[in-house]
Amino acid sequence: MKEEARKEIIKMLVQWADEIGENKNFWKQNRELGKTNIRTTATAILQASCYDEVKLFLEYKGSRKNTGWDKPFNNNTTFANYIINKIEDLRKKVDEKYKEDPTFDKEKEVIELAARFLGYIYWKIYGLVNQKENEERQPQNSNQSPQMKGTNYQGRSDSRQSRS
């Protein structure tokens, strides 16, 4: 049961990350909320000992000006508050899914899944989105001249081809 519940929750987190990544205007306007900022926040969350510590840390991030965390994200809530609300929803889901197991450490699970959630946001924003933008900007190698195929970046022929 635990593994099934965890998979369901992870699917929910991935969906949330997708939704957050779809707000391209926010990400274009808030470059200060960069790769390192998202990654270090995920790492810091893993160091928390309880949910309240995670929430306090995110409130702190949202209170600092010109960080991106303080910018309106959805329905005029800040990005930090949006993430706090999502993590609160995560907490409720974990409580619901694991209510039958009093020995299960729900706080630890919420902390780990909250960090994963930020990791998914990072993947969505700085992995997949940037990859698509780079592919659109760079010309495809399919137009490469036949003389250049098999040539490495220094302009020399690939030795494997010259031996055959």
N, C-alpha and C. Protein backbone atom coordinates (compact mmCIF):
# COMPACT_ATOMS: atom_id res chain seq x y z
N MET A 1 0.82 -1.20 0.00
CA MET A 1 0.00 0.00 0.00
C MET A 1 0.86 1.26 0.00
N LYS A 2 1.92 1.27 0.80
CA LYS A 2 2.76 2.46 0.89
C LYS A 2 3.34 2.85 -0.47
N GLU A 3 3.83 1.85 -1.19
CA GLU A 3 4.46 2.13 -2.48
C GLU A 3 3.44 2.67 -3.48
N GLU A 4 2.24 2.12 -3.50
CA GLU A 4 1.19 2.61 -4.39
C GLU A 4 0.81 4.04 -4.05
N ALA A 5 0.67 4.32 -2.77
CA ALA A 5 0.32 5.67 -2.33
C ALA A 5 1.41 6.66 -2.71
N ARG A 6 2.65 6.25 -2.53
CA ARG A 6 3.78 7.14 -2.86
C ARG A 6 3.82 7.43 -4.36
N LYS A 7 3.59 6.42 -5.17
CA LYS A 7 3.57 6.63 -6.63
C LYS A 7 2.47 7.60 -7.02
N GLU A 8 1.31 7.47 -6.41
CA GLU A 8 0.20 8.37 -6.70
C GLU A 8 0.56 9.81 -6.32
N ILE A 9 1.17 9.98 -5.18
CA ILE A 9 1.57 11.31 -4.73
C ILE A 9 2.65 11.88 -5.65
N ILE A 10 3.60 11.08 -6.05
CA ILE A 10 4.67 11.55 -6.95
C ILE A 10 4.08 11.98 -8.29
N LYS A 11 3.10 11.25 -8.80
CA LYS A 11 2.44 11.65 -10.04
C LYS A 11 1.79 13.02 -9.88
N MET A 12 1.19 13.25 -8.72
CA MET A 12 0.57 14.54 -8.42
C MET A 12 1.62 15.65 -8.43
N LEU A 13 2.77 15.39 -7.83
CA LEU A 13 3.85 16.39 -7.77
C LEU A 13 4.39 16.71 -9.16
N VAL A 14 4.52 15.70 -9.98
CA VAL A 14 5.00 15.91 -11.36
C VAL A 14 3.99 16.76 -12.13
N GLN A 15 2.71 16.48 -11.94
CA GLN A 15 1.68 17.27 -12.60
C GLN A 15 1.75 18.73 -12.14
N TRP A 16 1.93 18.95 -10.85
CA TRP A 16 2.06 20.32 -10.33
C TRP A 16 3.27 21.01 -10.95
N ALA A 17 4.37 20.30 -11.04
CA ALA A 17 5.58 20.88 -11.64
C ALA A 17 5.33 21.24 -13.10
N ASP A 18 4.60 20.40 -13.81
CA ASP A 18 4.25 20.71 -15.20
C ASP A 18 3.44 21.99 -15.27
N GLU A 19 2.45 22.12 -14.39
CA GLU A 19 1.61 23.32 -14.37
C GLU A 19 2.44 24.56 -14.06
N ILE A 20 3.35 24.45 -13.13
CA ILE A 20 4.21 25.58 -12.78
C ILE A 20 5.10 25.94 -13.96
N GLY A 21 5.61 24.95 -14.63
CA GLY A 21 6.47 25.19 -15.79
C GLY A 21 5.75 25.81 -16.96
N GLU A 22 4.45 25.62 -17.04
CA GLU A 22 3.67 26.18 -18.14
C GLU A 22 3.51 27.70 -18.03
N ASN A 23 3.78 28.26 -16.88
CA ASN A 23 3.66 29.71 -16.69
C ASN A 23 4.94 30.37 -17.21
N LYS A 24 5.11 30.33 -18.52
CA LYS A 24 6.35 30.81 -19.14
C LYS A 24 6.60 32.29 -18.92
N ASN A 25 5.53 33.10 -18.85
CA ASN A 25 5.70 34.54 -18.60
C ASN A 25 6.37 34.79 -17.25
N PHE A 26 5.94 34.03 -16.24
CA PHE A 26 6.55 34.19 -14.92
C PHE A 26 8.05 33.91 -14.98
N TRP A 27 8.43 32.82 -15.63
CA TRP A 27 9.83 32.42 -15.67
C TRP A 27 10.67 33.38 -16.50
N LYS A 28 10.09 33.93 -17.55
CA LYS A 28 10.83 34.90 -18.37
C LYS A 28 11.03 36.22 -17.62
N GLN A 29 10.04 36.61 -16.82
CA GLN A 29 10.12 37.87 -16.08
C GLN A 29 10.89 37.76 -14.78
N ASN A 30 11.15 36.58 -14.31
CA ASN A 30 11.77 36.40 -13.00
C ASN A 30 13.01 35.52 -13.10
N ARG A 31 13.96 35.99 -13.89
CA ARG A 31 15.21 35.24 -14.08
C ARG A 31 16.01 35.12 -12.78
N GLU A 32 15.75 36.04 -11.82
CA GLU A 32 16.50 35.97 -10.56
C GLU A 32 16.17 34.71 -9.77
N LEU A 33 15.03 34.12 -10.06
CA LEU A 33 14.67 32.84 -9.43
C LEU A 33 15.31 31.75 -10.28
N GLY A 34 16.60 31.66 -10.21
CA GLY A 34 17.37 30.83 -11.12
C GLY A 34 17.56 29.40 -10.67
N LYS A 35 18.36 28.71 -11.46
CA LYS A 35 18.63 27.29 -11.25
C LYS A 35 19.16 27.02 -9.84
N THR A 36 20.17 27.76 -9.47
CA THR A 36 20.81 27.52 -8.18
C THR A 36 19.84 27.78 -7.04
N ASN A 37 19.01 28.80 -7.18
CA ASN A 37 18.04 29.15 -6.15
C ASN A 37 17.06 28.01 -5.91
N ILE A 38 16.54 27.43 -6.96
CA ILE A 38 15.59 26.32 -6.82
C ILE A 38 16.30 25.09 -6.24
N ARG A 39 17.47 24.77 -6.75
CA ARG A 39 18.21 23.58 -6.27
C ARG A 39 18.62 23.72 -4.81
N THR A 40 19.14 24.88 -4.43
CA THR A 40 19.58 25.04 -3.04
C THR A 40 18.39 25.04 -2.08
N THR A 41 17.24 25.51 -2.54
CA THR A 41 16.04 25.46 -1.71
C THR A 41 15.63 24.00 -1.48
N ALA A 42 15.67 23.21 -2.52
CA ALA A 42 15.36 21.78 -2.37
C ALA A 42 16.31 21.11 -1.39
N THR A 43 17.59 21.43 -1.50
CA THR A 43 18.59 20.86 -0.60
C THR A 43 18.35 21.32 0.84
N ALA A 44 18.03 22.59 1.01
CA ALA A 44 17.76 23.12 2.35
C ALA A 44 16.54 22.46 2.97
N ILE A 45 15.53 22.21 2.17
CA ILE A 45 14.32 21.54 2.67
C ILE A 45 14.66 20.16 3.22
N LEU A 46 15.57 19.47 2.56
CA LEU A 46 15.96 18.14 3.04
C LEU A 46 16.61 18.19 4.42
N GLN A 47 17.14 19.34 4.78
CA GLN A 47 17.79 19.49 6.09
C GLN A 47 16.79 19.78 7.21
N ALA A 48 15.54 20.06 6.85
CA ALA A 48 14.52 20.40 7.85
C ALA A 48 14.18 19.19 8.70
N SER A 49 13.79 19.46 9.93
CA SER A 49 13.41 18.36 10.82
C SER A 49 11.90 18.17 10.91
N CYS A 50 11.13 19.18 10.43
CA CYS A 50 9.67 19.06 10.44
C CYS A 50 9.06 19.98 9.38
N TYR A 51 7.80 19.77 9.11
CA TYR A 51 7.10 20.56 8.10
C TYR A 51 7.12 22.05 8.43
N ASP A 52 6.93 22.39 9.71
CA ASP A 52 6.88 23.80 10.09
C ASP A 52 8.18 24.52 9.75
N GLU A 53 9.28 23.82 9.81
CA GLU A 53 10.57 24.40 9.43
C GLU A 53 10.64 24.67 7.92
N VAL A 54 10.09 23.77 7.14
CA VAL A 54 10.01 23.96 5.68
C VAL A 54 9.18 25.19 5.38
N LYS A 55 8.02 25.28 6.00
CA LYS A 55 7.12 26.41 5.78
C LYS A 55 7.80 27.72 6.18
N LEU A 56 8.45 27.75 7.33
CA LEU A 56 9.15 28.96 7.79
C LEU A 56 10.24 29.37 6.81
N PHE A 57 10.99 28.40 6.30
CA PHE A 57 12.05 28.71 5.35
C PHE A 57 11.48 29.31 4.06
N LEU A 58 10.39 28.74 3.56
CA LEU A 58 9.77 29.26 2.34
C LEU A 58 9.15 30.64 2.58
N GLU A 59 8.61 30.87 3.77
CA GLU A 59 8.10 32.21 4.10
C GLU A 59 9.24 33.22 4.12
N TYR A 60 10.37 32.82 4.66
CA TYR A 60 11.56 33.67 4.64
C TYR A 60 11.97 34.00 3.21
N LYS A 61 12.01 32.98 2.34
CA LYS A 61 12.38 33.20 0.94
C LYS A 61 11.43 34.20 0.29
N GLY A 62 10.14 34.07 0.59
CA GLY A 62 9.13 34.95 0.01
C GLY A 62 9.16 36.37 0.54
N SER A 63 9.73 36.55 1.72
CA SER A 63 9.78 37.89 2.31
C SER A 63 10.95 38.72 1.80
N ARG A 64 11.92 38.07 1.21
CA ARG A 64 13.09 38.77 0.68
C ARG A 64 12.74 39.37 -0.68
N LYS A 65 13.05 40.62 -0.86
CA LYS A 65 12.71 41.34 -2.09
C LYS A 65 13.66 40.98 -3.23
N ASN A 66 13.12 41.04 -4.43
CA ASN A 66 13.88 40.82 -5.67
C ASN A 66 14.56 39.45 -5.75
N THR A 67 13.85 38.44 -5.27
CA THR A 67 14.39 37.09 -5.33
C THR A 67 13.61 36.20 -6.29
N GLY A 68 12.47 36.66 -6.73
CA GLY A 68 11.58 35.83 -7.54
C GLY A 68 10.56 35.12 -6.67
N TRP A 69 10.95 34.73 -5.48
CA TRP A 69 10.03 34.08 -4.55
C TRP A 69 8.95 35.07 -4.09
N ASP A 70 9.25 36.35 -4.15
CA ASP A 70 8.33 37.39 -3.70
C ASP A 70 7.40 37.89 -4.80
N LYS A 71 7.55 37.39 -6.00
CA LYS A 71 6.78 37.86 -7.16
C LYS A 71 5.44 37.14 -7.27
N PRO A 72 4.41 37.86 -7.78
CA PRO A 72 3.10 37.22 -7.97
C PRO A 72 3.21 36.06 -8.96
N PHE A 73 2.61 34.95 -8.58
CA PHE A 73 2.67 33.77 -9.45
C PHE A 73 1.29 33.38 -9.96
N ASN A 74 0.37 33.15 -9.06
CA ASN A 74 -0.94 32.64 -9.45
C ASN A 74 -1.99 33.31 -8.57
N ASN A 75 -2.94 33.96 -9.20
CA ASN A 75 -3.99 34.66 -8.45
C ASN A 75 -3.42 35.63 -7.42
N ASN A 76 -2.37 36.33 -7.81
CA ASN A 76 -1.73 37.36 -6.99
C ASN A 76 -1.12 36.85 -5.69
N THR A 77 -0.89 35.56 -5.57
CA THR A 77 -0.12 35.06 -4.44
C THR A 77 1.34 35.00 -4.89
N THR A 78 2.24 35.14 -3.96
CA THR A 78 3.66 35.09 -4.33
C THR A 78 4.02 33.66 -4.70
N PHE A 79 5.14 33.53 -5.42
CA PHE A 79 5.61 32.19 -5.78
C PHE A 79 5.87 31.38 -4.51
N ALA A 80 6.45 32.01 -3.48
CA ALA A 80 6.71 31.30 -2.22
C ALA A 80 5.41 30.80 -1.60
N ASN A 81 4.39 31.65 -1.55
CA ASN A 81 3.11 31.23 -0.96
C ASN A 81 2.43 30.16 -1.81
N TYR A 82 2.59 30.25 -3.11
CA TYR A 82 2.04 29.22 -3.99
C TYR A 82 2.67 27.87 -3.67
N ILE A 83 3.99 27.85 -3.51
CA ILE A 83 4.69 26.60 -3.18
C ILE A 83 4.29 26.13 -1.78
N ILE A 84 4.18 27.05 -0.84
CA ILE A 84 3.74 26.68 0.52
C ILE A 84 2.36 26.03 0.46
N ASN A 85 1.45 26.61 -0.31
CA ASN A 85 0.10 26.04 -0.43
C ASN A 85 0.13 24.66 -1.05
N LYS A 86 0.99 24.47 -2.06
CA LYS A 86 1.11 23.15 -2.68
C LYS A 86 1.68 22.13 -1.68
N ILE A 87 2.66 22.56 -0.90
CA ILE A 87 3.25 21.64 0.07
C ILE A 87 2.26 21.34 1.19
N GLU A 88 1.42 22.30 1.53
CA GLU A 88 0.35 22.04 2.50
C GLU A 88 -0.64 21.00 1.94
N ASP A 89 -0.96 21.12 0.65
CA ASP A 89 -1.81 20.11 0.00
C ASP A 89 -1.11 18.74 0.01
N LEU A 90 0.18 18.75 -0.22
CA LEU A 90 0.98 17.52 -0.15
C LEU A 90 0.89 16.91 1.24
N ARG A 91 1.02 17.74 2.25
CA ARG A 91 0.96 17.27 3.63
C ARG A 91 -0.38 16.60 3.92
N LYS A 92 -1.46 17.22 3.47
CA LYS A 92 -2.80 16.65 3.67
C LYS A 92 -2.93 15.31 2.96
N LYS A 93 -2.38 15.23 1.76
CA LYS A 93 -2.45 13.99 0.98
C LYS A 93 -1.67 12.88 1.68
N VAL A 94 -0.49 13.20 2.19
CA VAL A 94 0.30 12.21 2.92
C VAL A 94 -0.46 11.75 4.16
N ASP A 95 -1.04 12.69 4.90
CA ASP A 95 -1.83 12.33 6.10
C ASP A 95 -2.97 11.39 5.73
N GLU A 96 -3.64 11.69 4.61
CA GLU A 96 -4.76 10.87 4.16
C GLU A 96 -4.31 9.47 3.75
N LYS A 97 -3.25 9.40 2.98
CA LYS A 97 -2.80 8.12 2.44
C LYS A 97 -2.19 7.20 3.49
N TYR A 98 -1.59 7.78 4.52
CA TYR A 98 -0.87 6.97 5.51
C TYR A 98 -1.54 6.98 6.89
N LYS A 99 -2.82 7.36 6.94
CA LYS A 99 -3.51 7.46 8.24
C LYS A 99 -3.65 6.11 8.94
N GLU A 100 -3.64 5.04 8.18
CA GLU A 100 -3.79 3.70 8.75
C GLU A 100 -2.51 3.18 9.40
N ASP A 101 -1.40 3.86 9.18
CA ASP A 101 -0.11 3.38 9.69
C ASP A 101 0.46 4.39 10.68
N PRO A 102 0.18 4.21 11.98
CA PRO A 102 0.65 5.19 12.98
C PRO A 102 2.17 5.19 13.16
N THR A 103 2.85 4.17 12.67
CA THR A 103 4.31 4.12 12.84
C THR A 103 5.04 4.84 11.71
N PHE A 104 4.32 5.18 10.64
CA PHE A 104 4.95 5.82 9.49
C PHE A 104 5.30 7.26 9.82
N ASP A 105 6.51 7.68 9.49
CA ASP A 105 6.98 9.04 9.76
C ASP A 105 6.50 9.99 8.65
N LYS A 106 5.33 10.56 8.85
CA LYS A 106 4.71 11.43 7.85
C LYS A 106 5.49 12.71 7.63
N GLU A 107 6.04 13.26 8.70
CA GLU A 107 6.82 14.50 8.59
C GLU A 107 8.02 14.29 7.66
N LYS A 108 8.72 13.21 7.86
CA LYS A 108 9.89 12.91 7.03
C LYS A 108 9.47 12.71 5.57
N GLU A 109 8.35 12.04 5.37
CA GLU A 109 7.85 11.81 4.01
C GLU A 109 7.49 13.13 3.33
N VAL A 110 6.84 14.02 4.05
CA VAL A 110 6.47 15.33 3.47
C VAL A 110 7.73 16.11 3.11
N ILE A 111 8.71 16.11 3.98
CA ILE A 111 9.96 16.83 3.71
C ILE A 111 10.64 16.27 2.47
N GLU A 112 10.76 14.95 2.39
CA GLU A 112 11.42 14.35 1.23
C GLU A 112 10.65 14.63 -0.06
N LEU A 113 9.34 14.51 -0.01
CA LEU A 113 8.53 14.75 -1.20
C LEU A 113 8.51 16.22 -1.59
N ALA A 114 8.57 17.12 -0.61
CA ALA A 114 8.63 18.56 -0.91
C ALA A 114 9.93 18.89 -1.64
N ALA A 115 11.02 18.30 -1.20
CA ALA A 115 12.30 18.50 -1.88
C ALA A 115 12.25 17.93 -3.30
N ARG A 116 11.64 16.76 -3.45
CA ARG A 116 11.47 16.17 -4.78
C ARG A 116 10.66 17.11 -5.68
N PHE A 117 9.61 17.67 -5.11
CA PHE A 117 8.73 18.59 -5.85
C PHE A 117 9.54 19.75 -6.43
N LEU A 118 10.39 20.34 -5.60
CA LEU A 118 11.24 21.43 -6.11
C LEU A 118 12.22 20.92 -7.15
N GLY A 119 12.69 19.70 -6.98
CA GLY A 119 13.56 19.10 -7.99
C GLY A 119 12.82 18.92 -9.31
N TYR A 120 11.56 18.53 -9.25
CA TYR A 120 10.76 18.39 -10.46
C TYR A 120 10.56 19.74 -11.14
N ILE A 121 10.35 20.77 -10.34
CA ILE A 121 10.21 22.13 -10.90
C ILE A 121 11.51 22.51 -11.61
N TYR A 122 12.62 22.24 -10.96
CA TYR A 122 13.92 22.52 -11.56
C TYR A 122 14.06 21.79 -12.90
N TRP A 123 13.74 20.51 -12.93
CA TRP A 123 13.84 19.74 -14.17
C TRP A 123 12.96 20.37 -15.24
N LYS A 124 11.73 20.72 -14.86
CA LYS A 124 10.78 21.26 -15.82
C LYS A 124 11.26 22.60 -16.38
N ILE A 125 11.68 23.48 -15.51
CA ILE A 125 12.03 24.84 -15.94
C ILE A 125 13.40 24.89 -16.59
N TYR A 126 14.38 24.28 -15.97
CA TYR A 126 15.75 24.47 -16.43
C TYR A 126 16.30 23.30 -17.22
N GLY A 127 15.56 22.24 -17.29
CA GLY A 127 15.99 21.13 -18.11
C GLY A 127 15.20 21.07 -19.39
N LEU A 128 13.95 20.71 -19.28
CA LEU A 128 13.12 20.50 -20.45
C LEU A 128 12.84 21.79 -21.22
N VAL A 129 12.47 22.86 -20.52
CA VAL A 129 12.14 24.11 -21.20
C VAL A 129 13.37 24.70 -21.87
N ASN A 130 14.49 24.75 -21.16
CA ASN A 130 15.71 25.29 -21.77
C ASN A 130 16.19 24.43 -22.93
N GLN A 131 16.02 23.12 -22.83
CA GLN A 131 16.41 22.23 -23.91
C GLN A 131 15.59 22.54 -25.17
N LYS A 132 14.29 22.73 -25.01
CA LYS A 132 13.44 23.05 -26.16
C LYS A 132 13.83 24.38 -26.77
N GLU A 133 14.11 25.38 -25.92
CA GLU A 133 14.51 26.69 -26.43
C GLU A 133 15.83 26.60 -27.18
N ASN A 134 16.79 25.83 -26.67
CA ASN A 134 18.08 25.67 -27.33
C ASN A 134 17.93 24.96 -28.66
N GLU A 135 17.07 23.94 -28.71
CA GLU A 135 16.85 23.22 -29.96
C GLU A 135 16.23 24.13 -31.02
N GLU A 136 15.34 25.03 -30.58
CA GLU A 136 14.71 25.95 -31.53
C GLU A 136 15.70 26.98 -32.05
N ARG A 137 16.67 27.38 -31.23
CA ARG A 137 17.64 28.39 -31.63
C ARG A 137 18.77 27.83 -32.47
N GLN A 138 19.16 26.58 -32.25
CA GLN A 138 20.31 26.00 -32.94
C GLN A 138 19.88 25.32 -34.23
N PRO A 139 20.61 25.53 -35.30
CA PRO A 139 20.28 24.83 -36.55
C PRO A 139 20.55 23.34 -36.38
N GLN A 140 19.76 22.56 -37.06
CA GLN A 140 19.92 21.11 -36.98
C GLN A 140 21.12 20.66 -37.81
N ASN A 141 21.77 19.61 -37.38
CA ASN A 141 22.92 19.06 -38.10
C ASN A 141 22.53 18.31 -39.36
N SER A 142 21.22 18.15 -39.58
CA SER A 142 20.80 17.41 -40.76
C SER A 142 21.16 18.16 -42.04
N ASN A 143 21.39 19.47 -41.93
CA ASN A 143 21.78 20.27 -43.09
C ASN A 143 23.28 20.28 -43.30
N GLN A 144 23.99 19.51 -42.52
CA GLN A 144 25.44 19.48 -42.60
C GLN A 144 25.86 18.90 -43.95
N SER A 145 26.88 19.49 -44.52
CA SER A 145 27.33 19.03 -45.84
C SER A 145 27.94 17.63 -45.73
N PRO A 146 27.85 16.84 -46.78
CA PRO A 146 28.40 15.48 -46.74
C PRO A 146 29.89 15.47 -46.44
N GLN A 147 30.61 16.53 -46.83
CA GLN A 147 32.05 16.57 -46.57
C GLN A 147 32.33 16.72 -45.07
N MET A 148 31.40 17.33 -44.32
CA MET A 148 31.63 17.57 -42.90
C MET A 148 31.23 16.38 -42.03
N LYS A 149 30.40 15.48 -42.53
CA LYS A 149 30.00 14.33 -41.73
C LYS A 149 31.23 13.49 -41.43
N GLY A 150 31.34 13.04 -40.17
CA GLY A 150 32.48 12.24 -39.77
C GLY A 150 33.67 13.11 -39.38
N THR A 151 33.48 14.43 -39.33
CA THR A 151 34.55 15.33 -38.94
C THR A 151 34.32 15.75 -37.51
N ASN A 152 35.35 15.69 -36.68
CA ASN A 152 35.16 16.09 -35.31
C ASN A 152 35.25 17.60 -35.18
N TYR A 153 35.10 18.12 -33.95
CA TYR A 153 35.03 19.56 -33.75
C TYR A 153 36.31 20.29 -34.12
N GLN A 154 37.43 19.60 -34.24
CA GLN A 154 38.70 20.26 -34.59
C GLN A 154 38.94 20.23 -36.09
N GLY A 155 38.00 19.69 -36.83
CA GLY A 155 38.12 19.69 -38.28
C GLY A 155 38.86 18.49 -38.85
N ARG A 156 39.22 17.54 -37.99
CA ARG A 156 39.92 16.35 -38.49
C ARG A 156 38.92 15.24 -38.71
N SER A 157 39.23 14.38 -39.62
CA SER A 157 38.35 13.24 -39.90
C SER A 157 38.39 12.28 -38.73
N ASP A 158 37.27 11.64 -38.52
CA ASP A 158 37.17 10.60 -37.51
C ASP A 158 38.07 9.44 -37.96
N SER A 159 38.99 9.03 -37.10
CA SER A 159 39.98 8.00 -37.46
C SER A 159 39.32 6.68 -37.81
N ARG A 160 38.17 6.38 -37.22
CA ARG A 160 37.51 5.12 -37.52
C ARG A 160 37.05 5.09 -38.97
N GLN A 161 36.63 6.25 -39.49
CA GLN A 161 36.17 6.27 -40.87
C GLN A 161 37.34 6.14 -41.84
N SER A 162 38.47 6.74 -41.51
CA SER A 162 39.60 6.75 -42.44
C SER A 162 40.25 5.36 -42.56
N ARG A 163 40.04 4.48 -41.55
CA ARG A 163 40.63 3.15 -41.59
C ARG A 163 39.85 2.20 -42.48
N SER A 164 38.62 2.47 -42.75
CA SER A 164 37.83 1.52 -43.52
C SER A 164 37.99 1.68 -45.00
